[in-house]
Each structure stands twice: as structure tokens, then as C-alpha cells.
Protein backbone atom coordinates (compact mmCIF):
# COMPACT_ATOMS: atom_id res chain seq x y z
CA MET A 1 0.10 -0.17 0.14
CA ASN A 2 1.30 3.61 -0.74
CA ALA A 3 1.23 6.54 1.19
CA ILE A 4 -1.32 8.01 -0.26
CA THR A 5 -3.65 5.02 0.31
CA GLU A 6 -2.72 4.95 3.52
CA ALA A 7 -3.31 8.64 4.46
CA ALA A 8 -6.37 8.14 2.41
CA GLU A 9 -7.15 5.42 4.39
CA HIS A 10 -6.26 6.85 7.96
CA ALA A 11 -9.05 9.81 7.37
CA GLY A 12 -11.55 7.55 6.70
CA ARG A 13 -10.62 5.13 9.29
CA TRP A 14 -10.41 8.46 11.95
CA LYS A 15 -14.09 9.92 10.71
CA ALA A 16 -15.35 6.13 11.13
CA GLU A 17 -13.98 5.65 14.75
CA ARG A 18 -15.91 8.84 15.64
CA GLY A 19 -19.51 7.40 14.62
CA GLN A 20 -19.12 9.34 10.99
CA ALA A 21 -19.28 8.16 7.57
CA PRO A 22 -15.75 7.22 6.32
CA HIS A 23 -15.53 9.67 3.33
CA TYR A 24 -12.31 7.70 1.88
CA ALA A 25 -12.30 5.90 -1.53
CA THR A 26 -11.00 3.27 -3.90
CA GLY A 27 -11.93 2.92 -6.79
CA HIS A 28 -9.92 0.70 -9.95
CA VAL A 29 -9.73 4.03 -11.79
CA GLN A 30 -9.61 6.73 -9.41
CA TRP A 31 -8.43 7.40 -6.00
CA TRP A 32 -8.78 10.27 -3.43
CA THR A 33 -7.79 11.77 -0.32
CA CYS A 34 -10.31 12.82 2.16
CA LEU A 35 -9.62 16.14 4.03
CA ALA A 36 -11.82 16.11 6.94
CA CYS A 37 -12.48 18.05 9.81
CA PRO A 38 -11.74 16.55 13.18
CA LEU A 39 -13.85 17.96 15.25
CA ASP A 40 -16.52 15.36 16.49
CA GLY A 41 -19.91 15.88 15.32
CA CYS A 42 -18.40 18.07 12.00
CA ASP A 43 -19.50 16.72 8.87
CA TRP A 44 -17.24 18.82 6.67
CA HIS A 45 -15.02 17.16 4.32
CA HIS A 46 -13.22 17.59 0.92
CA ASP A 47 -12.17 14.60 -1.24
CA ASP A 48 -9.26 15.52 -3.57
CA ARG A 49 -8.88 13.41 -6.90
CA HIS A 50 -5.69 12.07 -7.12
CA ASP A 51 -5.81 12.40 -11.13
CA ALA A 52 -6.80 16.18 -10.92
CA PRO A 53 -5.73 16.93 -7.78
CA ALA A 54 -6.45 20.73 -6.26
CA ALA A 55 -3.67 23.28 -5.87
CA PRO A 56 -1.72 23.43 -2.78
CA ALA A 57 -3.21 26.57 -2.30
CA VAL A 58 -6.77 26.03 -3.07
CA LEU A 59 -6.99 23.14 -0.17
CA GLU A 60 -5.10 25.37 1.98
CA ALA A 61 -8.22 27.97 1.26
CA LEU A 62 -11.02 25.58 1.59
CA VAL A 63 -9.42 24.50 5.15
CA ARG A 64 -9.43 28.19 6.50
CA GLU A 65 -12.85 28.53 5.55
CA HIS A 66 -13.94 25.71 7.04
CA VAL A 67 -11.92 25.68 10.37
CA ALA A 68 -13.42 29.59 10.87
CA ARG A 69 -16.25 28.69 11.38
CA HIS A 70 -15.14 26.56 14.67
CA ASP A 71 -14.15 28.13 18.09
CA LEU A 72 -10.11 28.07 17.98
CA ALA A 73 -9.93 26.72 21.41
CA ASP A 74 -11.84 23.50 19.66
CA VAL A 75 -10.11 23.21 17.03
CA LEU A 76 -6.38 23.76 18.61
CA ALA A 77 -8.36 21.31 21.37
CA SER A 78 -8.63 18.35 18.66
CA LEU A 79 -5.20 19.03 16.99
CA ALA A 80 -2.94 18.35 20.42
CA THR A 81 -5.55 15.42 20.78
CA ALA A 82 -4.54 14.04 17.10
CA ARG A 83 -0.47 14.76 18.11
CA ASP A 84 -1.01 12.54 21.61
CA ALA A 85 -2.62 10.35 19.60
CA THR A 86 0.18 9.96 17.07
CA ALA A 87 2.88 10.18 19.40
CA ALA A 88 1.29 7.13 21.37
CA VAL A 89 0.93 5.18 17.83
CA ASN A 90 4.27 6.09 17.25
CA ALA A 91 6.08 5.10 20.77
CA SER A 92 3.77 1.76 20.28
CA ASN A 93 5.55 1.16 16.42
CA ASP A 94 9.24 1.70 18.42
CA ARG A 95 8.31 -0.91 20.67
CA ALA A 96 7.27 -3.52 18.40
CA TRP A 97 10.11 -3.02 15.99
CA ASP A 98 12.31 -3.15 19.30
CA VAL A 99 10.51 -6.70 20.09
CA VAL A 100 11.14 -7.43 16.48
CA ARG A 101 14.95 -6.65 16.84
CA LEU A 102 15.62 -8.54 20.30
CA ARG A 103 14.15 -11.65 18.51
CA ARG A 104 16.46 -11.49 15.35
CA GLN A 105 19.77 -10.49 17.50
CA GLN A 106 18.70 -13.99 19.57
CA ALA A 107 18.36 -15.77 16.63
CA ALA A 108 21.72 -14.81 15.30
CA GLU A 109 23.26 -15.73 19.28
CA ARG A 110 21.63 -19.26 18.34
CA GLY A 111 23.32 -19.11 15.40
CA GLU A 112 20.54 -18.97 12.97
CA HIS A 113 19.86 -16.64 10.25
CA ALA A 114 18.39 -13.28 11.99
CA TYR A 115 15.46 -13.18 9.98
CA SER A 116 14.47 -16.75 10.77
CA ASP A 117 12.31 -16.04 13.98
CA GLU A 118 9.18 -16.90 13.30
CA VAL A 119 7.68 -14.21 15.60
CA ALA A 120 9.84 -11.30 13.98
CA GLN A 121 8.75 -12.01 10.45
CA GLN A 122 5.03 -12.57 11.50
CA LEU A 123 5.27 -9.04 13.52
CA SER A 124 7.93 -7.11 10.94
CA SER A 125 5.23 -8.31 8.27
CA ALA A 126 1.88 -6.64 10.69
CA LEU A 127 4.30 -3.69 11.22
CA VAL A 128 4.90 -2.67 7.52
CA GLY A 129 1.56 -4.42 5.99
CA SER A 130 3.19 -6.77 3.69
CA GLU A 131 1.03 -9.53 2.30
CA GLU A 132 2.73 -12.10 4.38
CA HIS A 133 0.56 -10.99 7.40
CA GLN A 134 -2.72 -11.99 5.39
CA ALA A 135 -1.60 -15.27 6.34
CA VAL A 136 -2.15 -14.30 9.99
CA ARG A 137 -5.53 -12.85 8.92
CA ASP A 138 -6.16 -16.22 7.63
CA GLN A 139 -5.79 -18.59 10.47
CA LEU A 140 -7.42 -15.75 12.81
CA GLY A 141 -10.52 -16.49 10.89
CA ASP A 142 -10.30 -19.90 11.90
CA VAL A 143 -10.25 -19.56 15.02
CA PRO A 144 -13.47 -20.30 16.36
CA ASN A 145 -14.30 -17.09 19.15
CA SER A 146 -14.48 -17.70 23.22
């Protein structure tokens, strides 16, 4: 998955987690990125098509015009919350990579190839979103719910 697609899907998930319809979309012919208002209860968004993107100045004007309708304190609080959430996700990601590095180091210390550890392989494939992670999801689908 490329960075543009990930950003679009992230915007959609962010809105969906707040009970609002996700506005990112995929298609065989086109993709677009959704600029969505981060404030709860606000449905404003702008879909920017990748095959005909708006100029950065146009996007900035759209966002500024919308944000001006909100109380500045609410916007700043929302941005601070987003910053804190991003920092928490980054810290979690770093901790997971620490586990991968440790498992690889332990494999090397056992005289094995550093990339032979199955747990490290599964975790790193999950962290980078590789196709190999689908095998884990497939196995989870076979496990009955407890």
C-alpha cells in the first residue's frame, strides 16, 4: 500500500471511529484523499482526486474557510489530541520494532540467520503491512470465538 492510499484510509478510519461515515474511497480507476474536519460532530470534508488534485493554495483556502467556522480553542484541542494519539501510535510502533530487533538478535546468537525467527517475521510483516500478514489474518479467521 502506498503512502497516499494509507493517508486516505487513515482519514476515513479516523472519521469512522467517531461515528461518522468514512469518506475515503478506492476504485480501479481513481483514488482520492479526504480532508476531513477533526472535530466530533462535524461532517465537513473535501475529497481531493489524485488524477486531478487541487492546487495546495486552493486546499489551504478550503480548510482555512472551514476552520474559521469553529471556535479556535476547539480546533486547537482537537489538533493536540491528534498529536498525542499520533505520538502514542509511534511509541507503540517503536516498541514493537524493539521486539523484532530482539528476536532477530536472539536468533543470531543461537547461530541462526537473524531473519529466521518466525515471531519476528510475523510481527515485522504486520508492522509494514506486507502481504505475508494475510496468512496471520487467515489463521485468525479459522479460530472460533471464545
